[in-house]
Amino acid sequence: IQSIWQRKIPADLQGRAAAVKRMILLCVSP
C-alpha cells in the first residue's frame, strides 16, 4: 500500500498528501 502511494504522488507533494492520508487513517487508531 505504501509503495503505491509513494509512486503516485510527486516528490514535492509527498509530505502534504501523505499527511492528509495519515490524518484520516490515524483517526482509525483512536
mmCIF file of all heavy atoms, coordinates in Angstrom:
data_MODEL
# 
_entry.id   MODEL 
# 
loop_
_atom_site.group_PDB 
_atom_site.id 
_atom_site.type_symbol 
_atom_site.label_atom_id 
_atom_site.label_alt_id 
_atom_site.label_comp_id 
_atom_site.label_asym_id 
_atom_site.label_entity_id 
_atom_site.label_seq_id 
_atom_site.pdbx_PDB_ins_code 
_atom_site.Cartn_x 
_atom_site.Cartn_y 
_atom_site.Cartn_z 
_atom_site.occupancy 
_atom_site.B_iso_or_equiv 
_atom_site.pdbx_formal_charge 
_atom_site.auth_seq_id 
_atom_site.auth_comp_id 
_atom_site.auth_asym_id 
_atom_site.auth_atom_id 
_atom_site.pdbx_PDB_model_num 
ATOM 1   N N   . ILE A 1 1  ? 0.834   -1.203 0.000   1.00 0.00 ? 1  ILE A N   1 
ATOM 2   C CA  . ILE A 1 1  ? 0.000   0.000  0.000   1.00 0.00 ? 1  ILE A CA  1 
ATOM 3   C C   . ILE A 1 1  ? 0.870   1.255  0.000   1.00 0.00 ? 1  ILE A C   1 
ATOM 4   O O   . ILE A 1 1  ? 0.648   2.203  -0.752  1.00 0.00 ? 1  ILE A O   1 
ATOM 5   C CB  . ILE A 1 1  ? -0.948  -0.004 1.218   1.00 0.00 ? 1  ILE A CB  1 
ATOM 6   C CG1 . ILE A 1 1  ? -2.021  -1.089 1.046   1.00 0.00 ? 1  ILE A CG1 1 
ATOM 7   C CG2 . ILE A 1 1  ? -1.607  1.358  1.402   1.00 0.00 ? 1  ILE A CG2 1 
ATOM 8   C CD1 . ILE A 1 1  ? -2.894  -1.295 2.273   1.00 0.00 ? 1  ILE A CD1 1 
ATOM 9   N N   . GLN A 1 2  ? 1.901   1.265  0.851   1.00 0.00 ? 2  GLN A N   1 
ATOM 10  C CA  . GLN A 1 2  ? 2.769   2.429  0.963   1.00 0.00 ? 2  GLN A CA  1 
ATOM 11  C C   . GLN A 1 2  ? 3.491   2.721  -0.350  1.00 0.00 ? 2  GLN A C   1 
ATOM 12  O O   . GLN A 1 2  ? 3.620   3.878  -0.764  1.00 0.00 ? 2  GLN A O   1 
ATOM 13  C CB  . GLN A 1 2  ? 3.791   2.209  2.081   1.00 0.00 ? 2  GLN A CB  1 
ATOM 14  C CG  . GLN A 1 2  ? 4.701   3.398  2.343   1.00 0.00 ? 2  GLN A CG  1 
ATOM 15  C CD  . GLN A 1 2  ? 3.930   4.612  2.839   1.00 0.00 ? 2  GLN A CD  1 
ATOM 16  O OE1 . GLN A 1 2  ? 3.014   4.502  3.646   1.00 0.00 ? 2  GLN A OE1 1 
ATOM 17  N NE2 . GLN A 1 2  ? 4.295   5.779  2.361   1.00 0.00 ? 2  GLN A NE2 1 
ATOM 18  N N   . SER A 1 3  ? 3.961   1.683  -1.022  1.00 0.00 ? 3  SER A N   1 
ATOM 19  C CA  . SER A 1 3  ? 4.701   1.896  -2.275  1.00 0.00 ? 3  SER A CA  1 
ATOM 20  C C   . SER A 1 3  ? 3.787   2.458  -3.366  1.00 0.00 ? 3  SER A C   1 
ATOM 21  O O   . SER A 1 3  ? 4.229   3.254  -4.206  1.00 0.00 ? 3  SER A O   1 
ATOM 22  C CB  . SER A 1 3  ? 5.362   0.598  -2.739  1.00 0.00 ? 3  SER A CB  1 
ATOM 23  O OG  . SER A 1 3  ? 4.399   -0.385 -3.063  1.00 0.00 ? 3  SER A OG  1 
ATOM 24  N N   . ILE A 1 4  ? 2.518   2.064  -3.376  1.00 0.00 ? 4  ILE A N   1 
ATOM 25  C CA  . ILE A 1 4  ? 1.578   2.633  -4.349  1.00 0.00 ? 4  ILE A CA  1 
ATOM 26  C C   . ILE A 1 4  ? 1.428   4.131  -4.103  1.00 0.00 ? 4  ILE A C   1 
ATOM 27  O O   . ILE A 1 4  ? 1.502   4.942  -5.027  1.00 0.00 ? 4  ILE A O   1 
ATOM 28  C CB  . ILE A 1 4  ? 0.218   1.915  -4.277  1.00 0.00 ? 4  ILE A CB  1 
ATOM 29  C CG1 . ILE A 1 4  ? 0.328   0.482  -4.813  1.00 0.00 ? 4  ILE A CG1 1 
ATOM 30  C CG2 . ILE A 1 4  ? -0.835  2.690  -5.081  1.00 0.00 ? 4  ILE A CG2 1 
ATOM 31  C CD1 . ILE A 1 4  ? -0.940  -0.318 -4.685  1.00 0.00 ? 4  ILE A CD1 1 
ATOM 32  N N   . TRP A 1 5  ? 1.206   4.511  -2.860  1.00 0.00 ? 5  TRP A N   1 
ATOM 33  C CA  . TRP A 1 5  ? 1.082   5.935  -2.529  1.00 0.00 ? 5  TRP A CA  1 
ATOM 34  C C   . TRP A 1 5  ? 2.338   6.696  -2.942  1.00 0.00 ? 5  TRP A C   1 
ATOM 35  O O   . TRP A 1 5  ? 2.258   7.788  -3.515  1.00 0.00 ? 5  TRP A O   1 
ATOM 36  C CB  . TRP A 1 5  ? 0.841   6.109  -1.027  1.00 0.00 ? 5  TRP A CB  1 
ATOM 37  C CG  . TRP A 1 5  ? -0.559  5.837  -0.603  1.00 0.00 ? 5  TRP A CG  1 
ATOM 38  C CD1 . TRP A 1 5  ? -1.051  4.697  -0.041  1.00 0.00 ? 5  TRP A CD1 1 
ATOM 39  C CD2 . TRP A 1 5  ? -1.678  6.721  -0.712  1.00 0.00 ? 5  TRP A CD2 1 
ATOM 40  N NE1 . TRP A 1 5  ? -2.400  4.815  0.204   1.00 0.00 ? 5  TRP A NE1 1 
ATOM 41  C CE2 . TRP A 1 5  ? -2.806  6.046  -0.191  1.00 0.00 ? 5  TRP A CE2 1 
ATOM 42  C CE3 . TRP A 1 5  ? -1.828  8.017  -1.194  1.00 0.00 ? 5  TRP A CE3 1 
ATOM 43  C CZ2 . TRP A 1 5  ? -4.062  6.634  -0.149  1.00 0.00 ? 5  TRP A CZ2 1 
ATOM 44  C CZ3 . TRP A 1 5  ? -3.088  8.609  -1.142  1.00 0.00 ? 5  TRP A CZ3 1 
ATOM 45  C CH2 . TRP A 1 5  ? -4.192  7.918  -0.627  1.00 0.00 ? 5  TRP A CH2 1 
ATOM 46  N N   . GLN A 1 6  ? 3.502   6.145  -2.650  1.00 0.00 ? 6  GLN A N   1 
ATOM 47  C CA  . GLN A 1 6  ? 4.735   6.856  -2.956  1.00 0.00 ? 6  GLN A CA  1 
ATOM 48  C C   . GLN A 1 6  ? 4.931   7.043  -4.458  1.00 0.00 ? 6  GLN A C   1 
ATOM 49  O O   . GLN A 1 6  ? 5.430   8.078  -4.901  1.00 0.00 ? 6  GLN A O   1 
ATOM 50  C CB  . GLN A 1 6  ? 5.927   6.097  -2.365  1.00 0.00 ? 6  GLN A CB  1 
ATOM 51  C CG  . GLN A 1 6  ? 6.006   6.192  -0.844  1.00 0.00 ? 6  GLN A CG  1 
ATOM 52  C CD  . GLN A 1 6  ? 7.031   5.243  -0.265  1.00 0.00 ? 6  GLN A CD  1 
ATOM 53  O OE1 . GLN A 1 6  ? 7.199   4.127  -0.756  1.00 0.00 ? 6  GLN A OE1 1 
ATOM 54  N NE2 . GLN A 1 6  ? 7.713   5.668  0.777   1.00 0.00 ? 6  GLN A NE2 1 
ATOM 55  N N   . ARG A 1 7  ? 4.551   6.041  -5.242  1.00 0.00 ? 7  ARG A N   1 
ATOM 56  C CA  . ARG A 1 7  ? 4.761   6.125  -6.689  1.00 0.00 ? 7  ARG A CA  1 
ATOM 57  C C   . ARG A 1 7  ? 3.775   7.059  -7.368  1.00 0.00 ? 7  ARG A C   1 
ATOM 58  O O   . ARG A 1 7  ? 4.053   7.619  -8.422  1.00 0.00 ? 7  ARG A O   1 
ATOM 59  C CB  . ARG A 1 7  ? 4.690   4.736  -7.324  1.00 0.00 ? 7  ARG A CB  1 
ATOM 60  C CG  . ARG A 1 7  ? 5.927   3.893  -7.065  1.00 0.00 ? 7  ARG A CG  1 
ATOM 61  C CD  . ARG A 1 7  ? 5.929   2.601  -7.839  1.00 0.00 ? 7  ARG A CD  1 
ATOM 62  N NE  . ARG A 1 7  ? 4.974   1.632  -7.306  1.00 0.00 ? 7  ARG A NE  1 
ATOM 63  C CZ  . ARG A 1 7  ? 3.813   1.317  -7.861  1.00 0.00 ? 7  ARG A CZ  1 
ATOM 64  N NH1 . ARG A 1 7  ? 3.445   1.884  -8.993  1.00 0.00 ? 7  ARG A NH1 1 
ATOM 65  N NH2 . ARG A 1 7  ? 3.014   0.425  -7.317  1.00 0.00 ? 7  ARG A NH2 1 
ATOM 66  N N   . LYS A 1 8  ? 2.605   7.245  -6.781  1.00 0.00 ? 8  LYS A N   1 
ATOM 67  C CA  . LYS A 1 8  ? 1.558   8.032  -7.427  1.00 0.00 ? 8  LYS A CA  1 
ATOM 68  C C   . LYS A 1 8  ? 1.573   9.508  -7.023  1.00 0.00 ? 8  LYS A C   1 
ATOM 69  O O   . LYS A 1 8  ? 0.820   10.304 -7.591  1.00 0.00 ? 8  LYS A O   1 
ATOM 70  C CB  . LYS A 1 8  ? 0.171   7.438  -7.104  1.00 0.00 ? 8  LYS A CB  1 
ATOM 71  C CG  . LYS A 1 8  ? 0.016   5.962  -7.467  1.00 0.00 ? 8  LYS A CG  1 
ATOM 72  C CD  . LYS A 1 8  ? 0.335   5.684  -8.917  1.00 0.00 ? 8  LYS A CD  1 
ATOM 73  C CE  . LYS A 1 8  ? 0.247   4.194  -9.243  1.00 0.00 ? 8  LYS A CE  1 
ATOM 74  N NZ  . LYS A 1 8  ? 0.635   3.891  -10.635 1.00 0.00 ? 8  LYS A NZ  1 
ATOM 75  N N   . ILE A 1 9  ? 2.391   9.881  -6.047  1.00 0.00 ? 9  ILE A N   1 
ATOM 76  C CA  . ILE A 1 9  ? 2.410   11.257 -5.544  1.00 0.00 ? 9  ILE A CA  1 
ATOM 77  C C   . ILE A 1 9  ? 3.752   11.905 -5.894  1.00 0.00 ? 9  ILE A C   1 
ATOM 78  O O   . ILE A 1 9  ? 4.805   11.321 -5.606  1.00 0.00 ? 9  ILE A O   1 
ATOM 79  C CB  . ILE A 1 9  ? 2.200   11.289 -4.018  1.00 0.00 ? 9  ILE A CB  1 
ATOM 80  C CG1 . ILE A 1 9  ? 0.859   10.642 -3.649  1.00 0.00 ? 9  ILE A CG1 1 
ATOM 81  C CG2 . ILE A 1 9  ? 2.237   12.724 -3.495  1.00 0.00 ? 9  ILE A CG2 1 
ATOM 82  C CD1 . ILE A 1 9  ? 0.643   10.492 -2.154  1.00 0.00 ? 9  ILE A CD1 1 
ATOM 83  N N   . PRO A 1 10 ? 3.761   13.088 -6.499  1.00 0.00 ? 10 PRO A N   1 
ATOM 84  C CA  . PRO A 1 10 ? 5.025   13.774 -6.793  1.00 0.00 ? 10 PRO A CA  1 
ATOM 85  C C   . PRO A 1 10 ? 5.852   13.991 -5.529  1.00 0.00 ? 10 PRO A C   1 
ATOM 86  O O   . PRO A 1 10 ? 5.294   14.181 -4.437  1.00 0.00 ? 10 PRO A O   1 
ATOM 87  C CB  . PRO A 1 10 ? 4.573   15.111 -7.392  1.00 0.00 ? 10 PRO A CB  1 
ATOM 88  C CG  . PRO A 1 10 ? 3.198   14.859 -7.910  1.00 0.00 ? 10 PRO A CG  1 
ATOM 89  C CD  . PRO A 1 10 ? 2.594   13.844 -6.986  1.00 0.00 ? 10 PRO A CD  1 
ATOM 90  N N   . ALA A 1 11 ? 7.171   13.987 -5.684  1.00 0.00 ? 11 ALA A N   1 
ATOM 91  C CA  . ALA A 1 11 ? 8.071   14.045 -4.530  1.00 0.00 ? 11 ALA A CA  1 
ATOM 92  C C   . ALA A 1 11 ? 7.858   15.295 -3.695  1.00 0.00 ? 11 ALA A C   1 
ATOM 93  O O   . ALA A 1 11 ? 7.910   15.241 -2.456  1.00 0.00 ? 11 ALA A O   1 
ATOM 94  C CB  . ALA A 1 11 ? 9.524   13.958 -4.999  1.00 0.00 ? 11 ALA A CB  1 
ATOM 95  N N   . ASP A 1 12 ? 7.598   16.453 -4.327  1.00 0.00 ? 12 ASP A N   1 
ATOM 96  C CA  . ASP A 1 12 ? 7.448   17.687 -3.558  1.00 0.00 ? 12 ASP A CA  1 
ATOM 97  C C   . ASP A 1 12 ? 6.042   17.866 -3.000  1.00 0.00 ? 12 ASP A C   1 
ATOM 98  O O   . ASP A 1 12 ? 5.731   18.891 -2.395  1.00 0.00 ? 12 ASP A O   1 
ATOM 99  C CB  . ASP A 1 12 ? 7.843   18.903 -4.400  1.00 0.00 ? 12 ASP A CB  1 
ATOM 100 C CG  . ASP A 1 12 ? 7.012   19.036 -5.680  1.00 0.00 ? 12 ASP A CG  1 
ATOM 101 O OD1 . ASP A 1 12 ? 6.412   18.032 -6.098  1.00 0.00 ? 12 ASP A OD1 1 
ATOM 102 O OD2 . ASP A 1 12 ? 6.977   20.139 -6.249  1.00 0.00 ? 12 ASP A OD2 1 
ATOM 103 N N   . LEU A 1 13 ? 5.178   16.866 -3.223  1.00 0.00 ? 13 LEU A N   1 
ATOM 104 C CA  . LEU A 1 13 ? 3.837   16.863 -2.631  1.00 0.00 ? 13 LEU A CA  1 
ATOM 105 C C   . LEU A 1 13 ? 3.683   15.715 -1.632  1.00 0.00 ? 13 LEU A C   1 
ATOM 106 O O   . LEU A 1 13 ? 2.637   15.547 -1.016  1.00 0.00 ? 13 LEU A O   1 
ATOM 107 C CB  . LEU A 1 13 ? 2.784   16.749 -3.752  1.00 0.00 ? 13 LEU A CB  1 
ATOM 108 C CG  . LEU A 1 13 ? 1.318   16.950 -3.415  1.00 0.00 ? 13 LEU A CG  1 
ATOM 109 C CD1 . LEU A 1 13 ? 1.058   18.334 -2.844  1.00 0.00 ? 13 LEU A CD1 1 
ATOM 110 C CD2 . LEU A 1 13 ? 0.455   16.733 -4.650  1.00 0.00 ? 13 LEU A CD2 1 
ATOM 111 N N   . GLN A 1 14 ? 4.732   14.932 -1.468  1.00 0.00 ? 14 GLN A N   1 
ATOM 112 C CA  . GLN A 1 14 ? 4.658   13.742 -0.617  1.00 0.00 ? 14 GLN A CA  1 
ATOM 113 C C   . GLN A 1 14 ? 4.254   14.082 0.818   1.00 0.00 ? 14 GLN A C   1 
ATOM 114 O O   . GLN A 1 14 ? 3.445   13.396 1.423   1.00 0.00 ? 14 GLN A O   1 
ATOM 115 C CB  . GLN A 1 14 ? 6.013   13.032 -0.596  1.00 0.00 ? 14 GLN A CB  1 
ATOM 116 C CG  . GLN A 1 14 ? 6.370   12.311 -1.883  1.00 0.00 ? 14 GLN A CG  1 
ATOM 117 C CD  . GLN A 1 14 ? 5.818   10.899 -1.942  1.00 0.00 ? 14 GLN A CD  1 
ATOM 118 O OE1 . GLN A 1 14 ? 5.485   10.319 -0.918  1.00 0.00 ? 14 GLN A OE1 1 
ATOM 119 N NE2 . GLN A 1 14 ? 5.720   10.360 -3.132  1.00 0.00 ? 14 GLN A NE2 1 
ATOM 120 N N   . GLY A 1 15 ? 4.854   15.134 1.381   1.00 0.00 ? 15 GLY A N   1 
ATOM 121 C CA  . GLY A 1 15 ? 4.552   15.470 2.769   1.00 0.00 ? 15 GLY A CA  1 
ATOM 122 C C   . GLY A 1 15 ? 3.100   15.816 2.970   1.00 0.00 ? 15 GLY A C   1 
ATOM 123 O O   . GLY A 1 15 ? 2.436   15.296 3.864   1.00 0.00 ? 15 GLY A O   1 
ATOM 124 N N   . ARG A 1 16 ? 2.566   16.707 2.109   1.00 0.00 ? 16 ARG A N   1 
ATOM 125 C CA  . ARG A 1 16 ? 1.181   17.153 2.268   1.00 0.00 ? 16 ARG A CA  1 
ATOM 126 C C   . ARG A 1 16 ? 0.176   16.037 2.018   1.00 0.00 ? 16 ARG A C   1 
ATOM 127 O O   . ARG A 1 16 ? -0.722  15.791 2.822   1.00 0.00 ? 16 ARG A O   1 
ATOM 128 C CB  . ARG A 1 16 ? 0.908   18.306 1.301   1.00 0.00 ? 16 ARG A CB  1 
ATOM 129 C CG  . ARG A 1 16 ? 1.399   19.656 1.768   1.00 0.00 ? 16 ARG A CG  1 
ATOM 130 C CD  . ARG A 1 16 ? 1.424   20.673 0.635   1.00 0.00 ? 16 ARG A CD  1 
ATOM 131 N NE  . ARG A 1 16 ? 2.587   20.458 -0.226  1.00 0.00 ? 16 ARG A NE  1 
ATOM 132 C CZ  . ARG A 1 16 ? 2.761   21.065 -1.393  1.00 0.00 ? 16 ARG A CZ  1 
ATOM 133 N NH1 . ARG A 1 16 ? 1.827   21.874 -1.855  1.00 0.00 ? 16 ARG A NH1 1 
ATOM 134 N NH2 . ARG A 1 16 ? 3.845   20.850 -2.104  1.00 0.00 ? 16 ARG A NH2 1 
ATOM 135 N N   . ALA A 1 17 ? 0.315   15.348 0.881   1.00 0.00 ? 17 ALA A N   1 
ATOM 136 C CA  . ALA A 1 17 ? -0.649  14.292 0.545   1.00 0.00 ? 17 ALA A CA  1 
ATOM 137 C C   . ALA A 1 17 ? -0.551  13.130 1.524   1.00 0.00 ? 17 ALA A C   1 
ATOM 138 O O   . ALA A 1 17 ? -1.570  12.595 1.979   1.00 0.00 ? 17 ALA A O   1 
ATOM 139 C CB  . ALA A 1 17 ? -0.413  13.808 -0.883  1.00 0.00 ? 17 ALA A CB  1 
ATOM 140 N N   . ALA A 1 18 ? 0.687   12.731 1.862   1.00 0.00 ? 18 ALA A N   1 
ATOM 141 C CA  . ALA A 1 18 ? 0.852   11.625 2.803   1.00 0.00 ? 18 ALA A CA  1 
ATOM 142 C C   . ALA A 1 18 ? 0.318   11.980 4.173   1.00 0.00 ? 18 ALA A C   1 
ATOM 143 O O   . ALA A 1 18 ? -0.242  11.133 4.881   1.00 0.00 ? 18 ALA A O   1 
ATOM 144 C CB  . ALA A 1 18 ? 2.330   11.229 2.887   1.00 0.00 ? 18 ALA A CB  1 
ATOM 145 N N   . ALA A 1 19 ? 0.468   13.253 4.583   1.00 0.00 ? 19 ALA A N   1 
ATOM 146 C CA  . ALA A 1 19 ? -0.018  13.653 5.901   1.00 0.00 ? 19 ALA A CA  1 
ATOM 147 C C   . ALA A 1 19 ? -1.543  13.676 5.956   1.00 0.00 ? 19 ALA A C   1 
ATOM 148 O O   . ALA A 1 19 ? -2.146  13.323 6.974   1.00 0.00 ? 19 ALA A O   1 
ATOM 149 C CB  . ALA A 1 19 ? 0.544   15.020 6.273   1.00 0.00 ? 19 ALA A CB  1 
ATOM 150 N N   . VAL A 1 20 ? -2.187  14.106 4.853   1.00 0.00 ? 20 VAL A N   1 
ATOM 151 C CA  . VAL A 1 20 ? -3.654  14.061 4.802   1.00 0.00 ? 20 VAL A CA  1 
ATOM 152 C C   . VAL A 1 20 ? -4.127  12.613 4.901   1.00 0.00 ? 20 VAL A C   1 
ATOM 153 O O   . VAL A 1 20 ? -5.035  12.278 5.667   1.00 0.00 ? 20 VAL A O   1 
ATOM 154 C CB  . VAL A 1 20 ? -4.174  14.719 3.516   1.00 0.00 ? 20 VAL A CB  1 
ATOM 155 C CG1 . VAL A 1 20 ? -5.668  14.444 3.340   1.00 0.00 ? 20 VAL A CG1 1 
ATOM 156 C CG2 . VAL A 1 20 ? -3.914  16.219 3.544   1.00 0.00 ? 20 VAL A CG2 1 
ATOM 157 N N   . LYS A 1 21 ? -3.491  11.749 4.110   1.00 0.00 ? 21 LYS A N   1 
ATOM 158 C CA  . LYS A 1 21 ? -3.826  10.325 4.186   1.00 0.00 ? 21 LYS A CA  1 
ATOM 159 C C   . LYS A 1 21 ? -3.597  9.801  5.593   1.00 0.00 ? 21 LYS A C   1 
ATOM 160 O O   . LYS A 1 21 ? -4.437  9.084  6.166   1.00 0.00 ? 21 LYS A O   1 
ATOM 161 C CB  . LYS A 1 21 ? -2.965  9.545  3.188   1.00 0.00 ? 21 LYS A CB  1 
ATOM 162 C CG  . LYS A 1 21 ? -3.138  8.022  3.263   1.00 0.00 ? 21 LYS A CG  1 
ATOM 163 C CD  . LYS A 1 21 ? -1.922  7.282  2.751   1.00 0.00 ? 21 LYS A CD  1 
ATOM 164 C CE  . LYS A 1 21 ? -0.760  7.456  3.684   1.00 0.00 ? 21 LYS A CE  1 
ATOM 165 N NZ  . LYS A 1 21 ? 0.384   6.574  3.384   1.00 0.00 ? 21 LYS A NZ  1 
ATOM 166 N N   . ARG A 1 22 ? -2.456  10.174 6.180   1.00 0.00 ? 22 ARG A N   1 
ATOM 167 C CA  . ARG A 1 22 ? -2.108  9.708  7.519   1.00 0.00 ? 22 ARG A CA  1 
ATOM 168 C C   . ARG A 1 22 ? -3.100  10.226 8.554   1.00 0.00 ? 22 ARG A C   1 
ATOM 169 O O   . ARG A 1 22 ? -3.495  9.504  9.467   1.00 0.00 ? 22 ARG A O   1 
ATOM 170 C CB  . ARG A 1 22 ? -0.692  10.172 7.858   1.00 0.00 ? 22 ARG A CB  1 
ATOM 171 C CG  . ARG A 1 22 ? -0.173  9.710  9.207   1.00 0.00 ? 22 ARG A CG  1 
ATOM 172 C CD  . ARG A 1 22 ? 1.283   10.115 9.379   1.00 0.00 ? 22 ARG A CD  1 
ATOM 173 N NE  . ARG A 1 22 ? 1.768   9.904  10.722  1.00 0.00 ? 22 ARG A NE  1 
ATOM 174 C CZ  . ARG A 1 22 ? 2.175   8.735  11.195  1.00 0.00 ? 22 ARG A CZ  1 
ATOM 175 N NH1 . ARG A 1 22 ? 2.148   7.680  10.414  1.00 0.00 ? 22 ARG A NH1 1 
ATOM 176 N NH2 . ARG A 1 22 ? 2.617   8.616  12.435  1.00 0.00 ? 22 ARG A NH2 1 
ATOM 177 N N   . MET A 1 23 ? -3.545  11.484 8.413   1.00 0.00 ? 23 MET A N   1 
ATOM 178 C CA  . MET A 1 23 ? -4.512  12.030 9.358   1.00 0.00 ? 23 MET A CA  1 
ATOM 179 C C   . MET A 1 23 ? -5.803  11.215 9.340   1.00 0.00 ? 23 MET A C   1 
ATOM 180 O O   . MET A 1 23 ? -6.355  10.865 10.389  1.00 0.00 ? 23 MET A O   1 
ATOM 181 C CB  . MET A 1 23 ? -4.820  13.484 9.011   1.00 0.00 ? 23 MET A CB  1 
ATOM 182 C CG  . MET A 1 23 ? -5.856  14.123 9.931   1.00 0.00 ? 23 MET A CG  1 
ATOM 183 S SD  . MET A 1 23 ? -6.530  15.671 9.293   1.00 0.00 ? 23 MET A SD  1 
ATOM 184 C CE  . MET A 1 23 ? -7.523  15.057 7.927   1.00 0.00 ? 23 MET A CE  1 
ATOM 185 N N   . ILE A 1 24 ? -6.289  10.916 8.123   1.00 0.00 ? 24 ILE A N   1 
ATOM 186 C CA  . ILE A 1 24 ? -7.537  10.155 8.006   1.00 0.00 ? 24 ILE A CA  1 
ATOM 187 C C   . ILE A 1 24 ? -7.367  8.751  8.585   1.00 0.00 ? 24 ILE A C   1 
ATOM 188 O O   . ILE A 1 24 ? -8.214  8.264  9.343   1.00 0.00 ? 24 ILE A O   1 
ATOM 189 C CB  . ILE A 1 24 ? -7.985  10.098 6.541   1.00 0.00 ? 24 ILE A CB  1 
ATOM 190 C CG1 . ILE A 1 24 ? -8.354  11.508 6.055   1.00 0.00 ? 24 ILE A CG1 1 
ATOM 191 C CG2 . ILE A 1 24 ? -9.162  9.138  6.353   1.00 0.00 ? 24 ILE A CG2 1 
ATOM 192 C CD1 . ILE A 1 24 ? -8.625  11.614 4.575   1.00 0.00 ? 24 ILE A CD1 1 
ATOM 193 N N   . LEU A 1 25 ? -6.247  8.097  8.256   1.00 0.00 ? 25 LEU A N   1 
ATOM 194 C CA  . LEU A 1 25 ? -6.027  6.741  8.756   1.00 0.00 ? 25 LEU A CA  1 
ATOM 195 C C   . LEU A 1 25 ? -5.753  6.735  10.253  1.00 0.00 ? 25 LEU A C   1 
ATOM 196 O O   . LEU A 1 25 ? -6.131  5.785  10.950  1.00 0.00 ? 25 LEU A O   1 
ATOM 197 C CB  . LEU A 1 25 ? -4.873  6.088  7.998   1.00 0.00 ? 25 LEU A CB  1 
ATOM 198 C CG  . LEU A 1 25 ? -5.115  5.847  6.506   1.00 0.00 ? 25 LEU A CG  1 
ATOM 199 C CD1 . LEU A 1 25 ? -3.903  5.171  5.877   1.00 0.00 ? 25 LEU A CD1 1 
ATOM 200 C CD2 . LEU A 1 25 ? -6.363  4.995  6.286   1.00 0.00 ? 25 LEU A CD2 1 
ATOM 201 N N   . LEU A 1 26 ? -5.093  7.795  10.749  1.00 0.00 ? 26 LEU A N   1 
ATOM 202 C CA  . LEU A 1 26 ? -4.832  7.857  12.185  1.00 0.00 ? 26 LEU A CA  1 
ATOM 203 C C   . LEU A 1 26 ? -6.103  8.045  12.999  1.00 0.00 ? 26 LEU A C   1 
ATOM 204 O O   . LEU A 1 26 ? -6.134  7.718  14.182  1.00 0.00 ? 26 LEU A O   1 
ATOM 205 C CB  . LEU A 1 26 ? -3.842  8.985  12.493  1.00 0.00 ? 26 LEU A CB  1 
ATOM 206 C CG  . LEU A 1 26 ? -2.361  8.694  12.234  1.00 0.00 ? 26 LEU A CG  1 
ATOM 207 C CD1 . LEU A 1 26 ? -1.525  9.934  12.471  1.00 0.00 ? 26 LEU A CD1 1 
ATOM 208 C CD2 . LEU A 1 26 ? -1.872  7.550  13.124  1.00 0.00 ? 26 LEU A CD2 1 
ATOM 209 N N   . CYS A 1 27 ? -7.146  8.594  12.372  1.00 0.00 ? 27 CYS A N   1 
ATOM 210 C CA  . CYS A 1 27 ? -8.440  8.681  13.070  1.00 0.00 ? 27 CYS A CA  1 
ATOM 211 C C   . CYS A 1 27 ? -8.936  7.292  13.462  1.00 0.00 ? 27 CYS A C   1 
ATOM 212 O O   . CYS A 1 27 ? -9.687  7.132  14.429  1.00 0.00 ? 27 CYS A O   1 
ATOM 213 C CB  . CYS A 1 27 ? -9.482  9.361  12.186  1.00 0.00 ? 27 CYS A CB  1 
ATOM 214 S SG  . CYS A 1 27 ? -9.214  11.118 11.910  1.00 0.00 ? 27 CYS A SG  1 
ATOM 215 N N   . VAL A 1 28 ? -8.525  6.298  12.686  1.00 0.00 ? 28 VAL A N   1 
ATOM 216 C CA  . VAL A 1 28 ? -8.967  4.930  12.940  1.00 0.00 ? 28 VAL A CA  1 
ATOM 217 C C   . VAL A 1 28 ? -8.390  4.401  14.251  1.00 0.00 ? 28 VAL A C   1 
ATOM 218 O O   . VAL A 1 28 ? -9.075  3.688  14.995  1.00 0.00 ? 28 VAL A O   1 
ATOM 219 C CB  . VAL A 1 28 ? -8.557  4.015  11.765  1.00 0.00 ? 28 VAL A CB  1 
ATOM 220 C CG1 . VAL A 1 28 ? -8.904  2.569  12.056  1.00 0.00 ? 28 VAL A CG1 1 
ATOM 221 C CG2 . VAL A 1 28 ? -9.226  4.470  10.478  1.00 0.00 ? 28 VAL A CG2 1 
ATOM 222 N N   . SER A 1 29 ? -7.138  4.745  14.551  1.00 0.00 ? 29 SER A N   1 
ATOM 223 C CA  . SER A 1 29 ? -6.496  4.191  15.745  1.00 0.00 ? 29 SER A CA  1 
ATOM 224 C C   . SER A 1 29 ? -7.133  4.681  17.042  1.00 0.00 ? 29 SER A C   1 
ATOM 225 O O   . SER A 1 29 ? -7.415  3.864  17.932  1.00 0.00 ? 29 SER A O   1 
ATOM 226 C CB  . SER A 1 29 ? -4.991  4.501  15.729  1.00 0.00 ? 29 SER A CB  1 
ATOM 227 O OG  . SER A 1 29 ? -4.365  3.821  14.653  1.00 0.00 ? 29 SER A OG  1 
ATOM 228 N N   . PRO A 1 30 ? -7.395  5.996  17.211  1.00 0.00 ? 30 PRO A N   1 
ATOM 229 C CA  . PRO A 1 30 ? -8.155  6.397  18.397  1.00 0.00 ? 30 PRO A CA  1 
ATOM 230 C C   . PRO A 1 30 ? -9.544  5.769  18.454  1.00 0.00 ? 30 PRO A C   1 
ATOM 231 O O   . PRO A 1 30 ? -10.034 5.434  19.534  1.00 0.00 ? 30 PRO A O   1 
ATOM 232 C CB  . PRO A 1 30 ? -8.235  7.923  18.270  1.00 0.00 ? 30 PRO A CB  1 
ATOM 233 C CG  . PRO A 1 30 ? -7.086  8.298  17.412  1.00 0.00 ? 30 PRO A CG  1 
ATOM 234 C CD  . PRO A 1 30 ? -6.916  7.160  16.454  1.00 0.00 ? 30 PRO A CD  1 
# 
